[in-house]
Amino acid sequence: MGFRYVVRQAKPEDCGDILRLIKELPSMKENPDQVVKNTEQGSLMRRNPTVKGTTVAYAMYFCAYSTWIGKLLYLEDLFIQPSHRGKGLGKAMVCKVAQ
């Protein structure tokens, strides 16, 4: 039986779950308190999929403008909990962010 994922824009109340996932990043294991300041500034509002109401992944991105290229999108992080990988969730998230 597969999971049913919902990919949606993050809400302010999701910040705690997103922070939990950020701390699961291998690069954050050594210094998990590094992201607390950003949480307090409210800058963790990005796409995050849920399954049964639990956040299992997030995509952190921003839009920018280049003199030579024009509009562009920069994907900073795409994290999916290991137990939810290999199920097409990453592709779904990238497609949703690109919209």
PDB file of N, CA and C in Angstrom:
ATOM      1  N   MET A   1       0.839  -1.174   0.000  1.00  0.00           N
ATOM      2  CA  MET A   1       0.000   0.000   0.000  1.00  0.00           C
ATOM      3  C   MET A   1       0.887   1.241   0.000  1.00  0.00           C
ATOM      4  N   GLY A   2       0.703   2.137  -0.967  1.00  0.00           N
ATOM      5  CA  GLY A   2       1.531   3.329  -1.096  1.00  0.00           C
ATOM      6  C   GLY A   2       1.005   4.500  -0.294  1.00  0.00           C
ATOM      7  N   PHE A   3       1.858   5.480  -0.171  1.00  0.00           N
ATOM      8  CA  PHE A   3       1.482   6.708   0.528  1.00  0.00           C
ATOM      9  C   PHE A   3       0.821   7.663  -0.454  1.00  0.00           C
ATOM     10  N   ARG A   4      -0.022   8.523   0.048  1.00  0.00           N
ATOM     11  CA  ARG A   4      -0.607   9.596  -0.751  1.00  0.00           C
ATOM     12  C   ARG A   4       0.017  10.900  -0.263  1.00  0.00           C
ATOM     13  N   TYR A   5       0.793  11.524  -1.140  1.00  0.00           N
ATOM     14  CA  TYR A   5       1.496  12.750  -0.780  1.00  0.00           C
ATOM     15  C   TYR A   5       0.708  13.974  -1.224  1.00  0.00           C
ATOM     16  N   VAL A   6       0.792  15.025  -0.438  1.00  0.00           N
ATOM     17  CA  VAL A   6       0.211  16.315  -0.790  1.00  0.00           C
ATOM     18  C   VAL A   6       1.364  17.316  -0.823  1.00  0.00           C
ATOM     19  N   VAL A   7       1.642  17.890  -2.002  1.00  0.00           N
ATOM     20  CA  VAL A   7       2.693  18.901  -2.132  1.00  0.00           C
ATOM     21  C   VAL A   7       2.002  20.253  -2.138  1.00  0.00           C
ATOM     22  N   ARG A   8       2.374  21.104  -1.172  1.00  0.00           N
ATOM     23  CA  ARG A   8       1.704  22.395  -1.030  1.00  0.00           C
ATOM     24  C   ARG A   8       2.680  23.448  -0.524  1.00  0.00           C
ATOM     25  N   GLN A   9       2.262  24.690  -0.644  1.00  0.00           N
ATOM     26  CA  GLN A   9       3.041  25.799  -0.103  1.00  0.00           C
ATOM     27  C   GLN A   9       3.053  25.675   1.416  1.00  0.00           C
ATOM     28  N   ALA A  10       4.199  25.915   2.013  1.00  0.00           N
ATOM     29  CA  ALA A  10       4.306  25.841   3.469  1.00  0.00           C
ATOM     30  C   ALA A  10       3.515  26.972   4.123  1.00  0.00           C
ATOM     31  N   LYS A  11       3.092  26.717   5.342  1.00  0.00           N
ATOM     32  CA  LYS A  11       2.361  27.703   6.149  1.00  0.00           C
ATOM     33  C   LYS A  11       3.222  28.039   7.367  1.00  0.00           C
ATOM     34  N   PRO A  12       2.968  29.162   8.029  1.00  0.00           N
ATOM     35  CA  PRO A  12       3.764  29.515   9.211  1.00  0.00           C
ATOM     36  C   PRO A  12       3.816  28.394  10.251  1.00  0.00           C
ATOM     37  N   GLU A  13       2.724  27.677  10.415  1.00  0.00           N
ATOM     38  CA  GLU A  13       2.707  26.605  11.421  1.00  0.00           C
ATOM     39  C   GLU A  13       3.557  25.397  11.024  1.00  0.00           C
ATOM     40  N   ASP A  14       4.061  25.354   9.785  1.00  0.00           N
ATOM     41  CA  ASP A  14       4.924  24.256   9.334  1.00  0.00           C
ATOM     42  C   ASP A  14       6.387  24.464   9.704  1.00  0.00           C
ATOM     43  N   CYS A  15       6.743  25.649  10.172  1.00  0.00           N
ATOM     44  CA  CYS A  15       8.156  25.956  10.422  1.00  0.00           C
ATOM     45  C   CYS A  15       8.829  24.962  11.358  1.00  0.00           C
ATOM     46  N   GLY A  16       8.141  24.509  12.384  1.00  0.00           N
ATOM     47  CA  GLY A  16       8.729  23.529  13.304  1.00  0.00           C
ATOM     48  C   GLY A  16       9.063  22.226  12.602  1.00  0.00           C
ATOM     49  N   ASP A  17       8.159  21.749  11.749  1.00  0.00           N
ATOM     50  CA  ASP A  17       8.411  20.513  11.001  1.00  0.00           C
ATOM     51  C   ASP A  17       9.547  20.693  10.004  1.00  0.00           C
ATOM     52  N   ILE A  18       9.583  21.842   9.335  1.00  0.00           N
ATOM     53  CA  ILE A  18      10.650  22.088   8.363  1.00  0.00           C
ATOM     54  C   ILE A  18      11.994  22.170   9.077  1.00  0.00           C
ATOM     55  N   LEU A  19      12.028  22.815  10.223  1.00  0.00           N
ATOM     56  CA  LEU A  19      13.263  22.886  11.009  1.00  0.00           C
ATOM     57  C   LEU A  19      13.730  21.486  11.397  1.00  0.00           C
ATOM     58  N   ARG A  20      12.802  20.631  11.784  1.00  0.00           N
ATOM     59  CA  ARG A  20      13.143  19.246  12.133  1.00  0.00           C
ATOM     60  C   ARG A  20      13.791  18.543  10.944  1.00  0.00           C
ATOM     61  N   LEU A  21      13.252  18.733   9.750  1.00  0.00           N
ATOM     62  CA  LEU A  21      13.812  18.104   8.554  1.00  0.00           C
ATOM     63  C   LEU A  21      15.172  18.690   8.192  1.00  0.00           C
ATOM     64  N   ILE A  22      15.327  20.000   8.338  1.00  0.00           N
ATOM     65  CA  ILE A  22      16.620  20.625   8.049  1.00  0.00           C
ATOM     66  C   ILE A  22      17.698  20.034   8.946  1.00  0.00           C
ATOM     67  N   LYS A  23      17.342  19.775  10.195  1.00  0.00           N
ATOM     68  CA  LYS A  23      18.319  19.199  11.124  1.00  0.00           C
ATOM     69  C   LYS A  23      18.691  17.768  10.767  1.00  0.00           C
ATOM     70  N   GLU A  24      17.894  17.118   9.883  1.00  0.00           N
ATOM     71  CA  GLU A  24      18.227  15.775   9.411  1.00  0.00           C
ATOM     72  C   GLU A  24      19.236  15.798   8.267  1.00  0.00           C
ATOM     73  N   LEU A  25      19.468  16.971   7.675  1.00  0.00           N
ATOM     74  CA  LEU A  25      20.460  17.071   6.604  1.00  0.00           C
ATOM     75  C   LEU A  25      21.827  16.673   7.146  1.00  0.00           C
ATOM     76  N   PRO A  26      22.579  15.867   6.402  1.00  0.00           N
ATOM     77  CA  PRO A  26      23.918  15.484   6.876  1.00  0.00           C
ATOM     78  C   PRO A  26      24.791  16.690   7.205  1.00  0.00           C
ATOM     79  N   SER A  27      24.681  17.765   6.445  1.00  0.00           N
ATOM     80  CA  SER A  27      25.503  18.951   6.690  1.00  0.00           C
ATOM     81  C   SER A  27      25.104  19.688   7.966  1.00  0.00           C
ATOM     82  N   MET A  28      23.923  19.417   8.504  1.00  0.00           N
ATOM     83  CA  MET A  28      23.455  20.106   9.700  1.00  0.00           C
ATOM     84  C   MET A  28      23.684  19.301  10.977  1.00  0.00           C
ATOM     85  N   LYS A  29      24.077  18.050  10.842  1.00  0.00           N
ATOM     86  CA  LYS A  29      24.248  17.191  12.024  1.00  0.00           C
ATOM     87  C   LYS A  29      25.257  17.778  13.007  1.00  0.00           C
ATOM     88  N   GLU A  30      26.308  18.447  12.481  1.00  0.00           N
ATOM     89  CA  GLU A  30      27.354  18.978  13.352  1.00  0.00           C
ATOM     90  C   GLU A  30      26.953  20.282  14.032  1.00  0.00           C
ATOM     91  N   ASN A  31      26.058  21.069  13.416  1.00  0.00           N
ATOM     92  CA  ASN A  31      25.690  22.368  13.969  1.00  0.00           C
ATOM     93  C   ASN A  31      24.200  22.651  13.754  1.00  0.00           C
ATOM     94  N   PRO A  32      23.318  21.886  14.416  1.00  0.00           N
ATOM     95  CA  PRO A  32      21.878  22.033  14.178  1.00  0.00           C
ATOM     96  C   PRO A  32      21.292  23.373  14.605  1.00  0.00           C
ATOM     97  N   ASP A  33      21.956  24.105  15.485  1.00  0.00           N
ATOM     98  CA  ASP A  33      21.425  25.389  15.945  1.00  0.00           C
ATOM     99  C   ASP A  33      21.643  26.510  14.934  1.00  0.00           C
ATOM    100  N   GLN A  34      22.372  26.231  13.876  1.00  0.00           N
ATOM    101  CA  GLN A  34      22.685  27.236  12.862  1.00  0.00           C
ATOM    102  C   GLN A  34      21.433  27.789  12.185  1.00  0.00           C
ATOM    103  N   VAL A  35      20.375  26.998  12.083  1.00  0.00           N
ATOM    104  CA  VAL A  35      19.174  27.437  11.367  1.00  0.00           C
ATOM    105  C   VAL A  35      18.129  28.106  12.258  1.00  0.00           C
ATOM    106  N   VAL A  36      18.326  28.123  13.549  1.00  0.00           N
ATOM    107  CA  VAL A  36      17.326  28.681  14.463  1.00  0.00           C
ATOM    108  C   VAL A  36      17.064  30.153  14.169  1.00  0.00           C
ATOM    109  N   LYS A  37      18.095  30.931  13.896  1.00  0.00           N
ATOM    110  CA  LYS A  37      17.928  32.357  13.619  1.00  0.00           C
ATOM    111  C   LYS A  37      17.018  32.563  12.411  1.00  0.00           C
ATOM    112  N   ASN A  38      17.190  31.775  11.364  1.00  0.00           N
ATOM    113  CA  ASN A  38      16.350  31.914  10.176  1.00  0.00           C
ATOM    114  C   ASN A  38      14.892  31.590  10.483  1.00  0.00           C
ATOM    115  N   THR A  39      14.658  30.622  11.348  1.00  0.00           N
ATOM    116  CA  THR A  39      13.293  30.274  11.727  1.00  0.00           C
ATOM    117  C   THR A  39      12.624  31.454  12.417  1.00  0.00           C
ATOM    118  N   GLU A  40      13.369  32.113  13.297  1.00  0.00           N
ATOM    119  CA  GLU A  40      12.822  33.255  14.016  1.00  0.00           C
ATOM    120  C   GLU A  40      12.495  34.409  13.072  1.00  0.00           C
ATOM    121  N   GLN A  41      13.203  34.503  11.952  1.00  0.00           N
ATOM    122  CA  GLN A  41      12.961  35.564  10.977  1.00  0.00           C
ATOM    123  C   GLN A  41      11.850  35.189  10.001  1.00  0.00           C
ATOM    124  N   GLY A  42      11.309  33.991  10.120  1.00  0.00           N
ATOM    125  CA  GLY A  42      10.202  33.576   9.268  1.00  0.00           C
ATOM    126  C   GLY A  42      10.597  33.274   7.840  1.00  0.00           C
ATOM    127  N   SER A  43      11.825  32.821   7.622  1.00  0.00           N
ATOM    128  CA  SER A  43      12.281  32.602   6.248  1.00  0.00           C
ATOM    129  C   SER A  43      12.256  31.134   5.842  1.00  0.00           C
ATOM    130  N   LEU A  44      11.413  30.331   6.451  1.00  0.00           N
ATOM    131  CA  LEU A  44      11.324  28.917   6.084  1.00  0.00           C
ATOM    132  C   LEU A  44      10.019  28.609   5.356  1.00  0.00           C
ATOM    133  N   MET A  45       9.513  29.543   4.605  1.00  0.00           N
ATOM    134  CA  MET A  45       8.245  29.356   3.914  1.00  0.00           C
ATOM    135  C   MET A  45       8.466  28.849   2.497  1.00  0.00           C
ATOM    136  N   ARG A  46       8.410  27.560   2.311  1.00  0.00           N
ATOM    137  CA  ARG A  46       8.633  26.962   1.005  1.00  0.00           C
ATOM    138  C   ARG A  46       7.706  25.778   0.826  1.00  0.00           C
ATOM    139  N   ARG A  47       7.850  25.072  -0.288  1.00  0.00           N
ATOM    140  CA  ARG A  47       6.999  23.911  -0.566  1.00  0.00           C
ATOM    141  C   ARG A  47       7.356  22.776   0.390  1.00  0.00           C
ATOM    142  N   ASN A  48       6.352  22.110   0.896  1.00  0.00           N
ATOM    143  CA  ASN A  48       6.620  20.935   1.711  1.00  0.00           C
ATOM    144  C   ASN A  48       5.491  19.929   1.572  1.00  0.00           C
ATOM    145  N   PRO A  49       5.834  18.685   1.224  1.00  0.00           N
ATOM    146  CA  PRO A  49       4.814  17.657   1.095  1.00  0.00           C
ATOM    147  C   PRO A  49       4.516  16.984   2.428  1.00  0.00           C
ATOM    148  N   THR A  50       3.279  16.585   2.564  1.00  0.00           N
ATOM    149  CA  THR A  50       2.866  15.890   3.773  1.00  0.00           C
ATOM    150  C   THR A  50       2.248  14.557   3.405  1.00  0.00           C
ATOM    151  N   VAL A  51       2.327  13.628   4.338  1.00  0.00           N
ATOM    152  CA  VAL A  51       1.623  12.362   4.224  1.00  0.00           C
ATOM    153  C   VAL A  51       0.944  12.150   5.569  1.00  0.00           C
ATOM    154  N   LYS A  52      -0.352  11.966   5.535  1.00  0.00           N
ATOM    155  CA  LYS A  52      -1.146  11.816   6.759  1.00  0.00           C
ATOM    156  C   LYS A  52      -0.895  12.967   7.727  1.00  0.00           C
ATOM    157  N   GLY A  53      -0.760  14.173   7.199  1.00  0.00           N
ATOM    158  CA  GLY A  53      -0.584  15.356   8.031  1.00  0.00           C
ATOM    159  C   GLY A  53       0.811  15.577   8.566  1.00  0.00           C
ATOM    160  N   THR A  54       1.772  14.718   8.235  1.00  0.00           N
ATOM    161  CA  THR A  54       3.143  14.851   8.714  1.00  0.00           C
ATOM    162  C   THR A  54       4.038  15.322   7.577  1.00  0.00           C
ATOM    163  N   THR A  55       4.823  16.355   7.817  1.00  0.00           N
ATOM    164  CA  THR A  55       5.750  16.850   6.802  1.00  0.00           C
ATOM    165  C   THR A  55       6.897  15.857   6.655  1.00  0.00           C
ATOM    166  N   VAL A  56       7.118  15.377   5.423  1.00  0.00           N
ATOM    167  CA  VAL A  56       8.150  14.366   5.173  1.00  0.00           C
ATOM    168  C   VAL A  56       9.241  14.871   4.239  1.00  0.00           C
ATOM    169  N   ALA A  57       9.087  16.084   3.708  1.00  0.00           N
ATOM    170  CA  ALA A  57      10.075  16.633   2.783  1.00  0.00           C
ATOM    171  C   ALA A  57       9.870  18.138   2.674  1.00  0.00           C
ATOM    172  N   TYR A  58      10.876  18.805   2.129  1.00  0.00           N
ATOM    173  CA  TYR A  58      10.719  20.231   1.848  1.00  0.00           C
ATOM    174  C   TYR A  58      11.636  20.623   0.695  1.00  0.00           C
ATOM    175  N   ALA A  59      11.268  21.688   0.027  1.00  0.00           N
ATOM    176  CA  ALA A  59      12.095  22.302  -1.006  1.00  0.00           C
ATOM    177  C   ALA A  59      12.240  23.772  -0.643  1.00  0.00           C
ATOM    178  N   MET A  60      13.468  24.224  -0.520  1.00  0.00           N
ATOM    179  CA  MET A  60      13.722  25.624  -0.218  1.00  0.00           C
ATOM    180  C   MET A  60      14.297  26.264  -1.480  1.00  0.00           C
ATOM    181  N   TYR A  61      13.665  27.327  -1.947  1.00  0.00           N
ATOM    182  CA  TYR A  61      14.060  27.938  -3.207  1.00  0.00           C
ATOM    183  C   TYR A  61      13.784  29.434  -3.174  1.00  0.00           C
ATOM    184  N   PHE A  62      14.330  30.119  -4.149  1.00  0.00           N
ATOM    185  CA  PHE A  62      13.991  31.528  -4.310  1.00  0.00           C
ATOM    186  C   PHE A  62      14.096  31.907  -5.781  1.00  0.00           C
ATOM    187  N   CYS A  63      13.380  32.938  -6.139  1.00  0.00           N
ATOM    188  CA  CYS A  63      13.416  33.458  -7.504  1.00  0.00           C
ATOM    189  C   CYS A  63      14.410  34.610  -7.551  1.00  0.00           C
ATOM    190  N   ALA A  64      15.062  34.757  -8.682  1.00  0.00           N
ATOM    191  CA  ALA A  64      16.045  35.825  -8.859  1.00  0.00           C
ATOM    192  C   ALA A  64      15.968  36.320 -10.296  1.00  0.00           C
ATOM    193  N   TYR A  65      16.782  37.307 -10.599  1.00  0.00           N
ATOM    194  CA  TYR A  65      16.836  37.847 -11.951  1.00  0.00           C
ATOM    195  C   TYR A  65      18.295  38.007 -12.346  1.00  0.00           C
ATOM    196  N   SER A  66      18.621  37.551 -13.543  1.00  0.00           N
ATOM    197  CA  SER A  66      19.971  37.664 -14.078  1.00  0.00           C
ATOM    198  C   SER A  66      19.950  38.604 -15.276  1.00  0.00           C
ATOM    199  N   THR A  67      20.934  39.469 -15.366  1.00  0.00           N
ATOM    200  CA  THR A  67      21.037  40.381 -16.501  1.00  0.00           C
ATOM    201  C   THR A  67      21.095  39.618 -17.818  1.00  0.00           C
ATOM    202  N   TRP A  68      21.782  38.473 -17.826  1.00  0.00           N
ATOM    203  CA  TRP A  68      21.994  37.713 -19.058  1.00  0.00           C
ATOM    204  C   TRP A  68      20.920  36.665 -19.310  1.00  0.00           C
ATOM    205  N   ILE A  69      20.346  36.124 -18.270  1.00  0.00           N
ATOM    206  CA  ILE A  69      19.390  35.023 -18.420  1.00  0.00           C
ATOM    207  C   ILE A  69      17.946  35.484 -18.240  1.00  0.00           C
ATOM    208  N   GLY A  70      17.742  36.483 -17.419  1.00  0.00           N
ATOM    209  CA  GLY A  70      16.390  36.913 -17.076  1.00  0.00           C
ATOM    210  C   GLY A  70      15.948  36.247 -15.783  1.00  0.00           C
ATOM    211  N   LYS A  71      14.661  35.912 -15.693  1.00  0.00           N
ATOM    212  CA  LYS A  71      14.138  35.275 -14.479  1.00  0.00           C
ATOM    213  C   LYS A  71      14.752  33.891 -14.313  1.00  0.00           C
ATOM    214  N   LEU A  72      15.054  33.557 -13.073  1.00  0.00           N
ATOM    215  CA  LEU A  72      15.531  32.213 -12.785  1.00  0.00           C
ATOM    216  C   LEU A  72      15.078  31.781 -11.407  1.00  0.00           C
ATOM    217  N   LEU A  73      15.121  30.502 -11.189  1.00  0.00           N
ATOM    218  CA  LEU A  73      14.730  29.922  -9.913  1.00  0.00           C
ATOM    219  C   LEU A  73      15.934  29.164  -9.370  1.00  0.00           C
ATOM    220  N   TYR A  74      16.278  29.410  -8.120  1.00  0.00           N
ATOM    221  CA  TYR A  74      17.406  28.745  -7.484  1.00  0.00           C
ATOM    222  C   TYR A  74      16.867  27.798  -6.417  1.00  0.00           C
ATOM    223  N   LEU A  75      17.154  26.524  -6.587  1.00  0.00           N
ATOM    224  CA  LEU A  75      16.734  25.509  -5.618  1.00  0.00           C
ATOM    225  C   LEU A  75      17.860  25.316  -4.613  1.00  0.00           C
ATOM    226  N   GLU A  76      17.661  25.802  -3.417  1.00  0.00           N
ATOM    227  CA  GLU A  76      18.671  25.749  -2.352  1.00  0.00           C
ATOM    228  C   GLU A  76      18.747  24.359  -1.730  1.00  0.00           C
ATOM    229  N   ASP A  77      17.613  23.814  -1.339  1.00  0.00           N
ATOM    230  CA  ASP A  77      17.557  22.498  -0.697  1.00  0.00           C
ATOM    231  C   ASP A  77      16.361  21.725  -1.221  1.00  0.00           C
ATOM    232  N   LEU A  78      16.544  20.437  -1.354  1.00  0.00           N
ATOM    233  CA  LEU A  78      15.445  19.509  -1.614  1.00  0.00           C
ATOM    234  C   LEU A  78      15.742  18.308  -0.733  1.00  0.00           C
ATOM    235  N   PHE A  79      14.959  18.145   0.321  1.00  0.00           N
ATOM    236  CA  PHE A  79      15.205  17.057   1.266  1.00  0.00           C
ATOM    237  C   PHE A  79      13.959  16.209   1.397  1.00  0.00           C
ATOM    238  N   ILE A  80      14.150  14.905   1.303  1.00  0.00           N
ATOM    239  CA  ILE A  80      13.071  13.930   1.477  1.00  0.00           C
ATOM    240  C   ILE A  80      13.560  12.914   2.499  1.00  0.00           C
ATOM    241  N   GLN A  81      12.759  12.639   3.499  1.00  0.00           N
ATOM    242  CA  GLN A  81      13.157  11.637   4.485  1.00  0.00           C
ATOM    243  C   GLN A  81      13.460  10.324   3.764  1.00  0.00           C
ATOM    244  N   PRO A  82      14.505   9.620   4.200  1.00  0.00           N
ATOM    245  CA  PRO A  82      14.920   8.387   3.516  1.00  0.00           C
ATOM    246  C   PRO A  82      13.793   7.386   3.271  1.00  0.00           C
ATOM    247  N   SER A  83      12.880   7.239   4.202  1.00  0.00           N
ATOM    248  CA  SER A  83      11.801   6.253   4.038  1.00  0.00           C
ATOM    249  C   SER A  83      10.792   6.639   2.957  1.00  0.00           C
ATOM    250  N   HIS A  84      10.865   7.871   2.450  1.00  0.00           N
ATOM    251  CA  HIS A  84       9.929   8.332   1.421  1.00  0.00           C
ATOM    252  C   HIS A  84      10.613   8.574   0.078  1.00  0.00           C
ATOM    253  N   ARG A  85      11.875   8.202  -0.028  1.00  0.00           N
ATOM    254  CA  ARG A  85      12.617   8.385  -1.281  1.00  0.00           C
ATOM    255  C   ARG A  85      12.314   7.259  -2.266  1.00  0.00           C
ATOM    256  N   GLY A  86      12.531   7.538  -3.549  1.00  0.00           N
ATOM    257  CA  GLY A  86      12.334   6.531  -4.585  1.00  0.00           C
ATOM    258  C   GLY A  86      10.880   6.297  -4.958  1.00  0.00           C
ATOM    259  N   LYS A  87      10.020   7.235  -4.622  1.00  0.00           N
ATOM    260  CA  LYS A  87       8.581   7.072  -4.872  1.00  0.00           C
ATOM    261  C   LYS A  87       8.027   8.181  -5.767  1.00  0.00           C
ATOM    262  N   GLY A  88       8.922   8.933  -6.409  1.00  0.00           N
ATOM    263  CA  GLY A  88       8.483   9.996  -7.305  1.00  0.00           C
ATOM    264  C   GLY A  88       8.204  11.325  -6.625  1.00  0.00           C
ATOM    265  N   LEU A  89       8.453  11.401  -5.332  1.00  0.00           N
ATOM    266  CA  LEU A  89       8.155  12.627  -4.593  1.00  0.00           C
ATOM    267  C   LEU A  89       9.071  13.778  -5.005  1.00  0.00           C
ATOM    268  N   GLY A  90      10.347  13.492  -5.220  1.00  0.00           N
ATOM    269  CA  GLY A  90      11.290  14.532  -5.648  1.00  0.00           C
ATOM    270  C   GLY A  90      10.863  15.160  -6.962  1.00  0.00           C
ATOM    271  N   LYS A  91      10.486  14.328  -7.912  1.00  0.00           N
ATOM    272  CA  LYS A  91      10.024  14.825  -9.212  1.00  0.00           C
ATOM    273  C   LYS A  91       8.768  15.681  -9.044  1.00  0.00           C
ATOM    274  N   ALA A  92       7.836  15.220  -8.225  1.00  0.00           N
ATOM    275  CA  ALA A  92       6.605  15.976  -7.984  1.00  0.00           C
ATOM    276  C   ALA A  92       6.912  17.332  -7.353  1.00  0.00           C
ATOM    277  N   MET A  93       7.877  17.354  -6.440  1.00  0.00           N
ATOM    278  CA  MET A  93       8.233  18.605  -5.778  1.00  0.00           C
ATOM    279  C   MET A  93       8.877  19.587  -6.751  1.00  0.00           C
ATOM    280  N   VAL A  94       9.803  19.092  -7.573  1.00  0.00           N
ATOM    281  CA  VAL A  94      10.463  19.968  -8.542  1.00  0.00           C
ATOM    282  C   VAL A  94       9.439  20.534  -9.526  1.00  0.00           C
ATOM    283  N   CYS A  95       8.517  19.710  -9.975  1.00  0.00           N
ATOM    284  CA  CYS A  95       7.461  20.183 -10.888  1.00  0.00           C
ATOM    285  C   CYS A  95       6.601  21.254 -10.227  1.00  0.00           C
ATOM    286  N   LYS A  96       6.257  21.058  -8.967  1.00  0.00           N
ATOM    287  CA  LYS A  96       5.421  22.026  -8.241  1.00  0.00           C
ATOM    288  C   LYS A  96       6.174  23.341  -8.039  1.00  0.00           C
ATOM    289  N   VAL A  97       7.455  23.256  -7.678  1.00  0.00           N
ATOM    290  CA  VAL A  97       8.261  24.465  -7.490  1.00  0.00           C
ATOM    291  C   VAL A  97       8.379  25.226  -8.809  1.00  0.00           C
ATOM    292  N   ALA A  98       8.542  24.512  -9.908  1.00  0.00           N
ATOM    293  CA  ALA A  98       8.700  25.150 -11.221  1.00  0.00           C
ATOM    294  C   ALA A  98       7.442  25.893 -11.662  1.00  0.00           C
ATOM    295  N   GLN A  99       6.295  25.520 -11.129  1.00  0.00           N
ATOM    296  CA  GLN A  99       5.046  26.206 -11.485  1.00  0.00           C
ATOM    297  C   GLN A  99       5.081  27.611 -10.967  1.00  0.00           C
TER     298      GLN A  99
END
